[in-house]
Amino acid sequence: MASHYQVEDLARFGDMGKVDPKNFENFMKWYGGAMEAGAIDANTKKLIALAVSFAVQCPYCIDAYSKGCAEAGFTPEQMAEAVGIAASIKGGAVIAHFVQATNTLEREG
């Protein structure tokens, strides 16, 4: 079965810049600044980005940050632990939203 996401498409990330250069440039400045070392070092930011990539389910980001984390020296075990944190936070958010269901039932009750 063919996938909608093709790994070679990641190389086309900049295509939007051809049709909307101003906003794409602004995004790239913002992104670049966010990924620079600051209070958090640049390598740790890559690990955070990997975890977020899984949480938002972006296959292109998963590919890019898996490679970036490996190049930064992170082990598969470290990457898996970061992804596990993202999964547990996302799962917790799902459970926390059960309050909405109980509120609805109480109002209708």
PDB file of N, CA and C in Angstrom:
ATOM      1  N   MET A   1       0.837  -1.178   0.000  1.00  0.00           N
ATOM      2  CA  MET A   1       0.000   0.000   0.000  1.00  0.00           C
ATOM      3  C   MET A   1       0.885   1.245   0.000  1.00  0.00           C
ATOM      4  N   ALA A   2       0.612   2.137  -0.893  1.00  0.00           N
ATOM      5  CA  ALA A   2       1.397   3.365  -0.989  1.00  0.00           C
ATOM      6  C   ALA A   2       1.071   4.282   0.185  1.00  0.00           C
ATOM      7  N   SER A   3       2.069   5.003   0.605  1.00  0.00           N
ATOM      8  CA  SER A   3       1.901   5.943   1.704  1.00  0.00           C
ATOM      9  C   SER A   3       1.743   7.352   1.158  1.00  0.00           C
ATOM     10  N   HIS A   4       0.950   8.135   1.844  1.00  0.00           N
ATOM     11  CA  HIS A   4       0.788   9.541   1.488  1.00  0.00           C
ATOM     12  C   HIS A   4       2.097  10.289   1.725  1.00  0.00           C
ATOM     13  N   TYR A   5       2.861   9.860   2.729  1.00  0.00           N
ATOM     14  CA  TYR A   5       4.120  10.502   3.086  1.00  0.00           C
ATOM     15  C   TYR A   5       5.277   9.772   2.429  1.00  0.00           C
ATOM     16  N   GLN A   6       6.073  10.502   1.695  1.00  0.00           N
ATOM     17  CA  GLN A   6       7.240   9.945   1.032  1.00  0.00           C
ATOM     18  C   GLN A   6       8.476  10.615   1.626  1.00  0.00           C
ATOM     19  N   VAL A   7       9.444   9.811   2.048  1.00  0.00           N
ATOM     20  CA  VAL A   7      10.625  10.354   2.715  1.00  0.00           C
ATOM     21  C   VAL A   7      11.336  11.399   1.859  1.00  0.00           C
ATOM     22  N   GLU A   8      11.321  11.227   0.562  1.00  0.00           N
ATOM     23  CA  GLU A   8      12.006  12.194  -0.306  1.00  0.00           C
ATOM     24  C   GLU A   8      11.297  13.552  -0.322  1.00  0.00           C
ATOM     25  N   ASP A   9      10.049  13.601   0.119  1.00  0.00           N
ATOM     26  CA  ASP A   9       9.334  14.872   0.162  1.00  0.00           C
ATOM     27  C   ASP A   9       9.890  15.822   1.216  1.00  0.00           C
ATOM     28  N   LEU A  10      10.572  15.293   2.220  1.00  0.00           N
ATOM     29  CA  LEU A  10      11.156  16.154   3.248  1.00  0.00           C
ATOM     30  C   LEU A  10      12.101  17.185   2.627  1.00  0.00           C
ATOM     31  N   ALA A  11      12.770  16.804   1.561  1.00  0.00           N
ATOM     32  CA  ALA A  11      13.686  17.718   0.880  1.00  0.00           C
ATOM     33  C   ALA A  11      12.948  18.890   0.222  1.00  0.00           C
ATOM     34  N   ARG A  12      11.629  18.778   0.114  1.00  0.00           N
ATOM     35  CA  ARG A  12      10.832  19.837  -0.519  1.00  0.00           C
ATOM     36  C   ARG A  12      10.232  20.797   0.504  1.00  0.00           C
ATOM     37  N   PHE A  13      10.704  20.735   1.739  1.00  0.00           N
ATOM     38  CA  PHE A  13      10.160  21.567   2.808  1.00  0.00           C
ATOM     39  C   PHE A  13      10.129  23.042   2.418  1.00  0.00           C
ATOM     40  N   GLY A  14      11.126  23.485   1.727  1.00  0.00           N
ATOM     41  CA  GLY A  14      11.220  24.897   1.355  1.00  0.00           C
ATOM     42  C   GLY A  14      10.343  25.321   0.202  1.00  0.00           C
ATOM     43  N   ASP A  15       9.603  24.398  -0.402  1.00  0.00           N
ATOM     44  CA  ASP A  15       8.777  24.757  -1.558  1.00  0.00           C
ATOM     45  C   ASP A  15       7.782  25.874  -1.251  1.00  0.00           C
ATOM     46  N   MET A  16       7.279  25.911  -0.023  1.00  0.00           N
ATOM     47  CA  MET A  16       6.328  26.967   0.319  1.00  0.00           C
ATOM     48  C   MET A  16       6.978  28.337   0.194  1.00  0.00           C
ATOM     49  N   GLY A  17       8.270  28.400   0.427  1.00  0.00           N
ATOM     50  CA  GLY A  17       8.996  29.660   0.306  1.00  0.00           C
ATOM     51  C   GLY A  17       8.977  30.226  -1.096  1.00  0.00           C
ATOM     52  N   LYS A  18       8.743  29.378  -2.072  1.00  0.00           N
ATOM     53  CA  LYS A  18       8.678  29.856  -3.457  1.00  0.00           C
ATOM     54  C   LYS A  18       7.390  30.624  -3.720  1.00  0.00           C
ATOM     55  N   VAL A  19       6.313  30.274  -3.035  1.00  0.00           N
ATOM     56  CA  VAL A  19       5.030  30.927  -3.278  1.00  0.00           C
ATOM     57  C   VAL A  19       4.664  31.943  -2.198  1.00  0.00           C
ATOM     58  N   ASP A  20       5.291  31.831  -1.044  1.00  0.00           N
ATOM     59  CA  ASP A  20       5.030  32.773   0.050  1.00  0.00           C
ATOM     60  C   ASP A  20       6.346  33.056   0.775  1.00  0.00           C
ATOM     61  N   PRO A  21       7.279  33.690   0.075  1.00  0.00           N
ATOM     62  CA  PRO A  21       8.629  33.845   0.624  1.00  0.00           C
ATOM     63  C   PRO A  21       8.689  34.623   1.931  1.00  0.00           C
ATOM     64  N   LYS A  22       7.903  35.664   2.080  1.00  0.00           N
ATOM     65  CA  LYS A  22       7.974  36.480   3.285  1.00  0.00           C
ATOM     66  C   LYS A  22       7.590  35.662   4.523  1.00  0.00           C
ATOM     67  N   ASN A  23       6.462  35.005   4.477  1.00  0.00           N
ATOM     68  CA  ASN A  23       6.023  34.234   5.639  1.00  0.00           C
ATOM     69  C   ASN A  23       6.909  33.023   5.884  1.00  0.00           C
ATOM     70  N   PHE A  24       7.396  32.418   4.816  1.00  0.00           N
ATOM     71  CA  PHE A  24       8.296  31.282   4.989  1.00  0.00           C
ATOM     72  C   PHE A  24       9.595  31.741   5.644  1.00  0.00           C
ATOM     73  N   GLU A  25      10.109  32.863   5.208  1.00  0.00           N
ATOM     74  CA  GLU A  25      11.335  33.408   5.806  1.00  0.00           C
ATOM     75  C   GLU A  25      11.111  33.718   7.286  1.00  0.00           C
ATOM     76  N   ASN A  26       9.966  34.310   7.603  1.00  0.00           N
ATOM     77  CA  ASN A  26       9.650  34.602   9.003  1.00  0.00           C
ATOM     78  C   ASN A  26       9.584  33.319   9.828  1.00  0.00           C
ATOM     79  N   PHE A  27       8.963  32.292   9.273  1.00  0.00           N
ATOM     80  CA  PHE A  27       8.895  31.010   9.975  1.00  0.00           C
ATOM     81  C   PHE A  27      10.295  30.454  10.212  1.00  0.00           C
ATOM     82  N   MET A  28      11.132  30.477   9.179  1.00  0.00           N
ATOM     83  CA  MET A  28      12.471  29.918   9.306  1.00  0.00           C
ATOM     84  C   MET A  28      13.310  30.671  10.339  1.00  0.00           C
ATOM     85  N   LYS A  29      13.141  31.979  10.436  1.00  0.00           N
ATOM     86  CA  LYS A  29      13.840  32.752  11.472  1.00  0.00           C
ATOM     87  C   LYS A  29      13.356  32.326  12.852  1.00  0.00           C
ATOM     88  N   TRP A  30      12.055  32.198  13.004  1.00  0.00           N
ATOM     89  CA  TRP A  30      11.470  31.794  14.285  1.00  0.00           C
ATOM     90  C   TRP A  30      11.933  30.392  14.662  1.00  0.00           C
ATOM     91  N   TYR A  31      11.826  29.471  13.712  1.00  0.00           N
ATOM     92  CA  TYR A  31      12.258  28.094  13.943  1.00  0.00           C
ATOM     93  C   TYR A  31      13.745  28.040  14.281  1.00  0.00           C
ATOM     94  N   GLY A  32      14.549  28.732  13.506  1.00  0.00           N
ATOM     95  CA  GLY A  32      15.996  28.737  13.737  1.00  0.00           C
ATOM     96  C   GLY A  32      16.345  29.267  15.111  1.00  0.00           C
ATOM     97  N   GLY A  33      15.682  30.346  15.514  1.00  0.00           N
ATOM     98  CA  GLY A  33      15.917  30.891  16.838  1.00  0.00           C
ATOM     99  C   GLY A  33      15.492  29.945  17.941  1.00  0.00           C
ATOM    100  N   ALA A  34      14.370  29.276  17.738  1.00  0.00           N
ATOM    101  CA  ALA A  34      13.880  28.337  18.748  1.00  0.00           C
ATOM    102  C   ALA A  34      14.827  27.158  18.930  1.00  0.00           C
ATOM    103  N   MET A  35      15.509  26.762  17.874  1.00  0.00           N
ATOM    104  CA  MET A  35      16.381  25.583  17.939  1.00  0.00           C
ATOM    105  C   MET A  35      17.817  25.921  18.342  1.00  0.00           C
ATOM    106  N   GLU A  36      18.159  27.216  18.419  1.00  0.00           N
ATOM    107  CA  GLU A  36      19.502  27.607  18.854  1.00  0.00           C
ATOM    108  C   GLU A  36      19.686  27.321  20.345  1.00  0.00           C
ATOM    109  N   ALA A  37      20.938  27.108  20.712  1.00  0.00           N
ATOM    110  CA  ALA A  37      21.244  26.934  22.130  1.00  0.00           C
ATOM    111  C   ALA A  37      20.865  28.193  22.890  1.00  0.00           C
ATOM    112  N   GLY A  38      20.297  27.997  24.030  1.00  0.00           N
ATOM    113  CA  GLY A  38      19.926  29.091  24.928  1.00  0.00           C
ATOM    114  C   GLY A  38      19.980  28.528  26.335  1.00  0.00           C
ATOM    115  N   ALA A  39      18.919  28.665  27.067  1.00  0.00           N
ATOM    116  CA  ALA A  39      18.840  28.058  28.393  1.00  0.00           C
ATOM    117  C   ALA A  39      18.898  26.531  28.281  1.00  0.00           C
ATOM    118  N   ILE A  40      18.485  26.025  27.111  1.00  0.00           N
ATOM    119  CA  ILE A  40      18.566  24.590  26.798  1.00  0.00           C
ATOM    120  C   ILE A  40      19.556  24.436  25.652  1.00  0.00           C
ATOM    121  N   ASP A  41      20.471  23.478  25.771  1.00  0.00           N
ATOM    122  CA  ASP A  41      21.449  23.287  24.705  1.00  0.00           C
ATOM    123  C   ASP A  41      20.784  22.752  23.437  1.00  0.00           C
ATOM    124  N   ALA A  42      21.431  22.983  22.301  1.00  0.00           N
ATOM    125  CA  ALA A  42      20.859  22.641  20.995  1.00  0.00           C
ATOM    126  C   ALA A  42      20.581  21.145  20.857  1.00  0.00           C
ATOM    127  N   ASN A  43      21.431  20.286  21.408  1.00  0.00           N
ATOM    128  CA  ASN A  43      21.192  18.845  21.285  1.00  0.00           C
ATOM    129  C   ASN A  43      19.959  18.408  22.070  1.00  0.00           C
ATOM    130  N   THR A  44      19.773  18.957  23.254  1.00  0.00           N
ATOM    131  CA  THR A  44      18.577  18.615  24.034  1.00  0.00           C
ATOM    132  C   THR A  44      17.325  19.091  23.310  1.00  0.00           C
ATOM    133  N   LYS A  45      17.421  20.227  22.634  1.00  0.00           N
ATOM    134  CA  LYS A  45      16.283  20.717  21.853  1.00  0.00           C
ATOM    135  C   LYS A  45      15.927  19.739  20.737  1.00  0.00           C
ATOM    136  N   LYS A  46      16.924  19.075  20.165  1.00  0.00           N
ATOM    137  CA  LYS A  46      16.646  18.059  19.138  1.00  0.00           C
ATOM    138  C   LYS A  46      15.861  16.895  19.743  1.00  0.00           C
ATOM    139  N   LEU A  47      16.227  16.500  20.947  1.00  0.00           N
ATOM    140  CA  LEU A  47      15.529  15.399  21.612  1.00  0.00           C
ATOM    141  C   LEU A  47      14.089  15.801  21.950  1.00  0.00           C
ATOM    142  N   ILE A  48      13.905  17.027  22.406  1.00  0.00           N
ATOM    143  CA  ILE A  48      12.551  17.525  22.665  1.00  0.00           C
ATOM    144  C   ILE A  48      11.752  17.538  21.362  1.00  0.00           C
ATOM    145  N   ALA A  49      12.377  18.017  20.290  1.00  0.00           N
ATOM    146  CA  ALA A  49      11.700  18.071  18.995  1.00  0.00           C
ATOM    147  C   ALA A  49      11.300  16.675  18.522  1.00  0.00           C
ATOM    148  N   LEU A  50      12.144  15.687  18.790  1.00  0.00           N
ATOM    149  CA  LEU A  50      11.793  14.313  18.415  1.00  0.00           C
ATOM    150  C   LEU A  50      10.534  13.872  19.160  1.00  0.00           C
ATOM    151  N   ALA A  51      10.498  14.113  20.465  1.00  0.00           N
ATOM    152  CA  ALA A  51       9.330  13.712  21.251  1.00  0.00           C
ATOM    153  C   ALA A  51       8.068  14.419  20.767  1.00  0.00           C
ATOM    154  N   VAL A  52       8.184  15.719  20.499  1.00  0.00           N
ATOM    155  CA  VAL A  52       7.038  16.476  20.001  1.00  0.00           C
ATOM    156  C   VAL A  52       6.611  15.945  18.629  1.00  0.00           C
ATOM    157  N   SER A  53       7.573  15.566  17.808  1.00  0.00           N
ATOM    158  CA  SER A  53       7.260  15.028  16.477  1.00  0.00           C
ATOM    159  C   SER A  53       6.359  13.811  16.566  1.00  0.00           C
ATOM    160  N   PHE A  54       6.641  12.955  17.527  1.00  0.00           N
ATOM    161  CA  PHE A  54       5.784  11.792  17.726  1.00  0.00           C
ATOM    162  C   PHE A  54       4.422  12.204  18.250  1.00  0.00           C
ATOM    163  N   ALA A  55       4.392  13.157  19.179  1.00  0.00           N
ATOM    164  CA  ALA A  55       3.123  13.591  19.765  1.00  0.00           C
ATOM    165  C   ALA A  55       2.205  14.216  18.719  1.00  0.00           C
ATOM    166  N   VAL A  56       2.779  14.991  17.780  1.00  0.00           N
ATOM    167  CA  VAL A  56       1.958  15.613  16.735  1.00  0.00           C
ATOM    168  C   VAL A  56       1.851  14.726  15.495  1.00  0.00           C
ATOM    169  N   GLN A  57       2.529  13.602  15.521  1.00  0.00           N
ATOM    170  CA  GLN A  57       2.474  12.574  14.473  1.00  0.00           C
ATOM    171  C   GLN A  57       2.875  13.100  13.095  1.00  0.00           C
ATOM    172  N   CYS A  58       4.023  13.760  13.051  1.00  0.00           N
ATOM    173  CA  CYS A  58       4.555  14.274  11.792  1.00  0.00           C
ATOM    174  C   CYS A  58       5.663  13.342  11.302  1.00  0.00           C
ATOM    175  N   PRO A  59       5.401  12.516  10.292  1.00  0.00           N
ATOM    176  CA  PRO A  59       6.422  11.578   9.844  1.00  0.00           C
ATOM    177  C   PRO A  59       7.679  12.246   9.313  1.00  0.00           C
ATOM    178  N   TYR A  60       7.530  13.411   8.688  1.00  0.00           N
ATOM    179  CA  TYR A  60       8.706  14.116   8.197  1.00  0.00           C
ATOM    180  C   TYR A  60       9.590  14.561   9.364  1.00  0.00           C
ATOM    181  N   CYS A  61       8.946  15.092  10.400  1.00  0.00           N
ATOM    182  CA  CYS A  61       9.695  15.529  11.593  1.00  0.00           C
ATOM    183  C   CYS A  61      10.337  14.339  12.289  1.00  0.00           C
ATOM    184  N   ILE A  62       9.613  13.235  12.370  1.00  0.00           N
ATOM    185  CA  ILE A  62      10.161  12.030  12.999  1.00  0.00           C
ATOM    186  C   ILE A  62      11.428  11.604  12.267  1.00  0.00           C
ATOM    187  N   ASP A  63      11.381  11.589  10.946  1.00  0.00           N
ATOM    188  CA  ASP A  63      12.567  11.228  10.159  1.00  0.00           C
ATOM    189  C   ASP A  63      13.713  12.196  10.431  1.00  0.00           C
ATOM    190  N   ALA A  64      13.419  13.489  10.340  1.00  0.00           N
ATOM    191  CA  ALA A  64      14.477  14.496  10.480  1.00  0.00           C
ATOM    192  C   ALA A  64      15.082  14.486  11.880  1.00  0.00           C
ATOM    193  N   TYR A  65      14.243  14.420  12.909  1.00  0.00           N
ATOM    194  CA  TYR A  65      14.784  14.497  14.270  1.00  0.00           C
ATOM    195  C   TYR A  65      15.349  13.170  14.754  1.00  0.00           C
ATOM    196  N   SER A  66      14.903  12.056  14.204  1.00  0.00           N
ATOM    197  CA  SER A  66      15.564  10.783  14.524  1.00  0.00           C
ATOM    198  C   SER A  66      17.005  10.826  14.040  1.00  0.00           C
ATOM    199  N   LYS A  67      17.170  11.287  12.808  1.00  0.00           N
ATOM    200  CA  LYS A  67      18.512  11.417  12.247  1.00  0.00           C
ATOM    201  C   LYS A  67      19.319  12.452  13.029  1.00  0.00           C
ATOM    202  N   GLY A  68      18.720  13.595  13.319  1.00  0.00           N
ATOM    203  CA  GLY A  68      19.416  14.643  14.053  1.00  0.00           C
ATOM    204  C   GLY A  68      19.836  14.206  15.449  1.00  0.00           C
ATOM    205  N   CYS A  69      18.963  13.460  16.118  1.00  0.00           N
ATOM    206  CA  CYS A  69      19.305  12.975  17.458  1.00  0.00           C
ATOM    207  C   CYS A  69      20.443  11.953  17.395  1.00  0.00           C
ATOM    208  N   ALA A  70      20.398  11.071  16.417  1.00  0.00           N
ATOM    209  CA  ALA A  70      21.479  10.087  16.272  1.00  0.00           C
ATOM    210  C   ALA A  70      22.805  10.797  15.995  1.00  0.00           C
ATOM    211  N   GLU A  71      22.768  11.792  15.119  1.00  0.00           N
ATOM    212  CA  GLU A  71      23.985  12.549  14.810  1.00  0.00           C
ATOM    213  C   GLU A  71      24.493  13.327  16.026  1.00  0.00           C
ATOM    214  N   ALA A  72      23.581  13.712  16.917  1.00  0.00           N
ATOM    215  CA  ALA A  72      23.967  14.439  18.129  1.00  0.00           C
ATOM    216  C   ALA A  72      24.471  13.498  19.223  1.00  0.00           C
ATOM    217  N   GLY A  73      24.424  12.186  18.953  1.00  0.00           N
ATOM    218  CA  GLY A  73      24.957  11.225  19.903  1.00  0.00           C
ATOM    219  C   GLY A  73      23.932  10.574  20.819  1.00  0.00           C
ATOM    220  N   PHE A  74      22.663  10.859  20.612  1.00  0.00           N
ATOM    221  CA  PHE A  74      21.645  10.210  21.431  1.00  0.00           C
ATOM    222  C   PHE A  74      21.497   8.757  21.019  1.00  0.00           C
ATOM    223  N   THR A  75      21.302   7.907  21.986  1.00  0.00           N
ATOM    224  CA  THR A  75      21.124   6.473  21.722  1.00  0.00           C
ATOM    225  C   THR A  75      19.653   6.184  21.433  1.00  0.00           C
ATOM    226  N   PRO A  76      19.384   5.046  20.802  1.00  0.00           N
ATOM    227  CA  PRO A  76      17.976   4.658  20.612  1.00  0.00           C
ATOM    228  C   PRO A  76      17.222   4.574  21.942  1.00  0.00           C
ATOM    229  N   GLU A  77      17.906   4.167  23.000  1.00  0.00           N
ATOM    230  CA  GLU A  77      17.255   4.077  24.309  1.00  0.00           C
ATOM    231  C   GLU A  77      16.844   5.463  24.818  1.00  0.00           C
ATOM    232  N   GLN A  78      17.711   6.456  24.624  1.00  0.00           N
ATOM    233  CA  GLN A  78      17.381   7.825  25.037  1.00  0.00           C
ATOM    234  C   GLN A  78      16.221   8.379  24.212  1.00  0.00           C
ATOM    235  N   MET A  79      16.263   8.100  22.911  1.00  0.00           N
ATOM    236  CA  MET A  79      15.174   8.566  22.051  1.00  0.00           C
ATOM    237  C   MET A  79      13.857   7.900  22.439  1.00  0.00           C
ATOM    238  N   ALA A  80      13.902   6.598  22.712  1.00  0.00           N
ATOM    239  CA  ALA A  80      12.688   5.876  23.109  1.00  0.00           C
ATOM    240  C   ALA A  80      12.133   6.426  24.419  1.00  0.00           C
ATOM    241  N   GLU A  81      13.008   6.767  25.340  1.00  0.00           N
ATOM    242  CA  GLU A  81      12.548   7.321  26.615  1.00  0.00           C
ATOM    243  C   GLU A  81      11.870   8.674  26.405  1.00  0.00           C
ATOM    244  N   ALA A  82      12.438   9.507  25.559  1.00  0.00           N
ATOM    245  CA  ALA A  82      11.831  10.805  25.262  1.00  0.00           C
ATOM    246  C   ALA A  82      10.467  10.624  24.603  1.00  0.00           C
ATOM    247  N   VAL A  83      10.371   9.675  23.671  1.00  0.00           N
ATOM    248  CA  VAL A  83       9.106   9.404  22.999  1.00  0.00           C
ATOM    249  C   VAL A  83       8.090   8.857  24.004  1.00  0.00           C
ATOM    250  N   GLY A  84       8.551   8.045  24.940  1.00  0.00           N
ATOM    251  CA  GLY A  84       7.665   7.516  25.972  1.00  0.00           C
ATOM    252  C   GLY A  84       7.090   8.616  26.850  1.00  0.00           C
ATOM    253  N   ILE A  85       7.897   9.625  27.133  1.00  0.00           N
ATOM    254  CA  ILE A  85       7.398  10.771  27.909  1.00  0.00           C
ATOM    255  C   ILE A  85       6.291  11.475  27.122  1.00  0.00           C
ATOM    256  N   ALA A  86       6.531  11.720  25.843  1.00  0.00           N
ATOM    257  CA  ALA A  86       5.520  12.379  25.015  1.00  0.00           C
ATOM    258  C   ALA A  86       4.230  11.567  24.986  1.00  0.00           C
ATOM    259  N   ALA A  87       4.361  10.256  24.859  1.00  0.00           N
ATOM    260  CA  ALA A  87       3.176   9.391  24.816  1.00  0.00           C
ATOM    261  C   ALA A  87       2.415   9.445  26.137  1.00  0.00           C
ATOM    262  N   SER A  88       3.142   9.453  27.245  1.00  0.00           N
ATOM    263  CA  SER A  88       2.455   9.463  28.535  1.00  0.00           C
ATOM    264  C   SER A  88       1.755  10.796  28.778  1.00  0.00           C
ATOM    265  N   ILE A  89       2.361  11.889  28.354  1.00  0.00           N
ATOM    266  CA  ILE A  89       1.715  13.190  28.497  1.00  0.00           C
ATOM    267  C   ILE A  89       0.471  13.265  27.613  1.00  0.00           C
ATOM    268  N   LYS A  90       0.589  12.786  26.384  1.00  0.00           N
ATOM    269  CA  LYS A  90      -0.560  12.807  25.476  1.00  0.00           C
ATOM    270  C   LYS A  90      -1.670  11.902  26.008  1.00  0.00           C
ATOM    271  N   GLY A  91      -1.296  10.731  26.518  1.00  0.00           N
ATOM    272  CA  GLY A  91      -2.283   9.826  27.100  1.00  0.00           C
ATOM    273  C   GLY A  91      -2.950  10.439  28.318  1.00  0.00           C
ATOM    274  N   GLY A  92      -2.166  11.112  29.142  1.00  0.00           N
ATOM    275  CA  GLY A  92      -2.727  11.771  30.313  1.00  0.00           C
ATOM    276  C   GLY A  92      -3.720  12.853  29.938  1.00  0.00           C
ATOM    277  N   ALA A  93      -3.446  13.564  28.860  1.00  0.00           N
ATOM    278  CA  ALA A  93      -4.365  14.604  28.403  1.00  0.00           C
ATOM    279  C   ALA A  93      -5.686  13.996  27.965  1.00  0.00           C
ATOM    280  N   VAL A  94      -5.620  12.843  27.315  1.00  0.00           N
ATOM    281  CA  VAL A  94      -6.853  12.154  26.908  1.00  0.00           C
ATOM    282  C   VAL A  94      -7.668  11.789  28.144  1.00  0.00           C
ATOM    283  N   ILE A  95      -7.007  11.224  29.143  1.00  0.00           N
ATOM    284  CA  ILE A  95      -7.702  10.827  30.363  1.00  0.00           C
ATOM    285  C   ILE A  95      -8.255  12.048  31.097  1.00  0.00           C
ATOM    286  N   ALA A  96      -7.474  13.116  31.161  1.00  0.00           N
ATOM    287  CA  ALA A  96      -7.928  14.327  31.843  1.00  0.00           C
ATOM    288  C   ALA A  96      -9.192  14.894  31.203  1.00  0.00           C
ATOM    289  N   HIS A  97      -9.321  14.732  29.908  1.00  0.00           N
ATOM    290  CA  HIS A  97     -10.502  15.252  29.224  1.00  0.00           C
ATOM    291  C   HIS A  97     -11.754  14.423  29.498  1.00  0.00           C
ATOM    292  N   PHE A  98     -11.620  13.314  30.210  1.00  0.00           N
ATOM    293  CA  PHE A  98     -12.802  12.555  30.620  1.00  0.00           C
ATOM    294  C   PHE A  98     -13.695  13.410  31.514  1.00  0.00           C
ATOM    295  N   VAL A  99     -13.100  14.401  32.156  1.00  0.00           N
ATOM    296  CA  VAL A  99     -13.883  15.334  32.970  1.00  0.00           C
ATOM    297  C   VAL A  99     -14.997  15.950  32.126  1.00  0.00           C
ATOM    298  N   GLN A 100     -14.732  16.218  30.850  1.00  0.00           N
ATOM    299  CA  GLN A 100     -15.762  16.794  29.975  1.00  0.00           C
ATOM    300  C   GLN A 100     -16.940  15.849  29.870  1.00  0.00           C
ATOM    301  N   ALA A 101     -16.673  14.569  29.748  1.00  0.00           N
ATOM    302  CA  ALA A 101     -17.762  13.604  29.662  1.00  0.00           C
ATOM    303  C   ALA A 101     -18.567  13.566  30.961  1.00  0.00           C
ATOM    304  N   THR A 102     -17.878  13.565  32.079  1.00  0.00           N
ATOM    305  CA  THR A 102     -18.617  13.523  33.352  1.00  0.00           C
ATOM    306  C   THR A 102     -19.396  14.819  33.565  1.00  0.00           C
ATOM    307  N   ASN A 103     -18.839  15.952  33.152  1.00  0.00           N
ATOM    308  CA  ASN A 103     -19.596  17.208  33.253  1.00  0.00           C
ATOM    309  C   ASN A 103     -20.870  17.134  32.422  1.00  0.00           C
ATOM    310  N   THR A 104     -20.771  16.611  31.210  1.00  0.00           N
ATOM    311  CA  THR A 104     -21.937  16.477  30.347  1.00  0.00           C
ATOM    312  C   THR A 104     -22.984  15.580  30.992  1.00  0.00           C
ATOM    313  N   LEU A 105     -22.548  14.448  31.515  1.00  0.00           N
ATOM    314  CA  LEU A 105     -23.485  13.529  32.153  1.00  0.00           C
ATOM    315  C   LEU A 105     -24.156  14.156  33.379  1.00  0.00           C
ATOM    316  N   GLU A 106     -23.388  14.902  34.147  1.00  0.00           N
ATOM    317  CA  GLU A 106     -23.951  15.565  35.327  1.00  0.00           C
ATOM    318  C   GLU A 106     -24.971  16.628  34.925  1.00  0.00           C
ATOM    319  N   ARG A 107     -24.688  17.364  33.866  1.00  0.00           N
ATOM    320  CA  ARG A 107     -25.640  18.394  33.397  1.00  0.00           C
ATOM    321  C   ARG A 107     -26.919  17.752  32.879  1.00  0.00           C
ATOM    322  N   GLU A 108     -26.764  16.649  32.204  1.00  0.00           N
ATOM    323  CA  GLU A 108     -27.921  15.974  31.605  1.00  0.00           C
ATOM    324  C   GLU A 108     -28.689  15.133  32.624  1.00  0.00           C
ATOM    325  N   GLY A 109     -27.986  14.767  33.726  1.00  0.00           N
ATOM    326  CA  GLY A 109     -28.453  13.837  34.740  1.00  0.00           C
ATOM    327  C   GLY A 109     -29.733  14.137  35.350  1.00  0.00           C
TER     328      GLY A 109
END
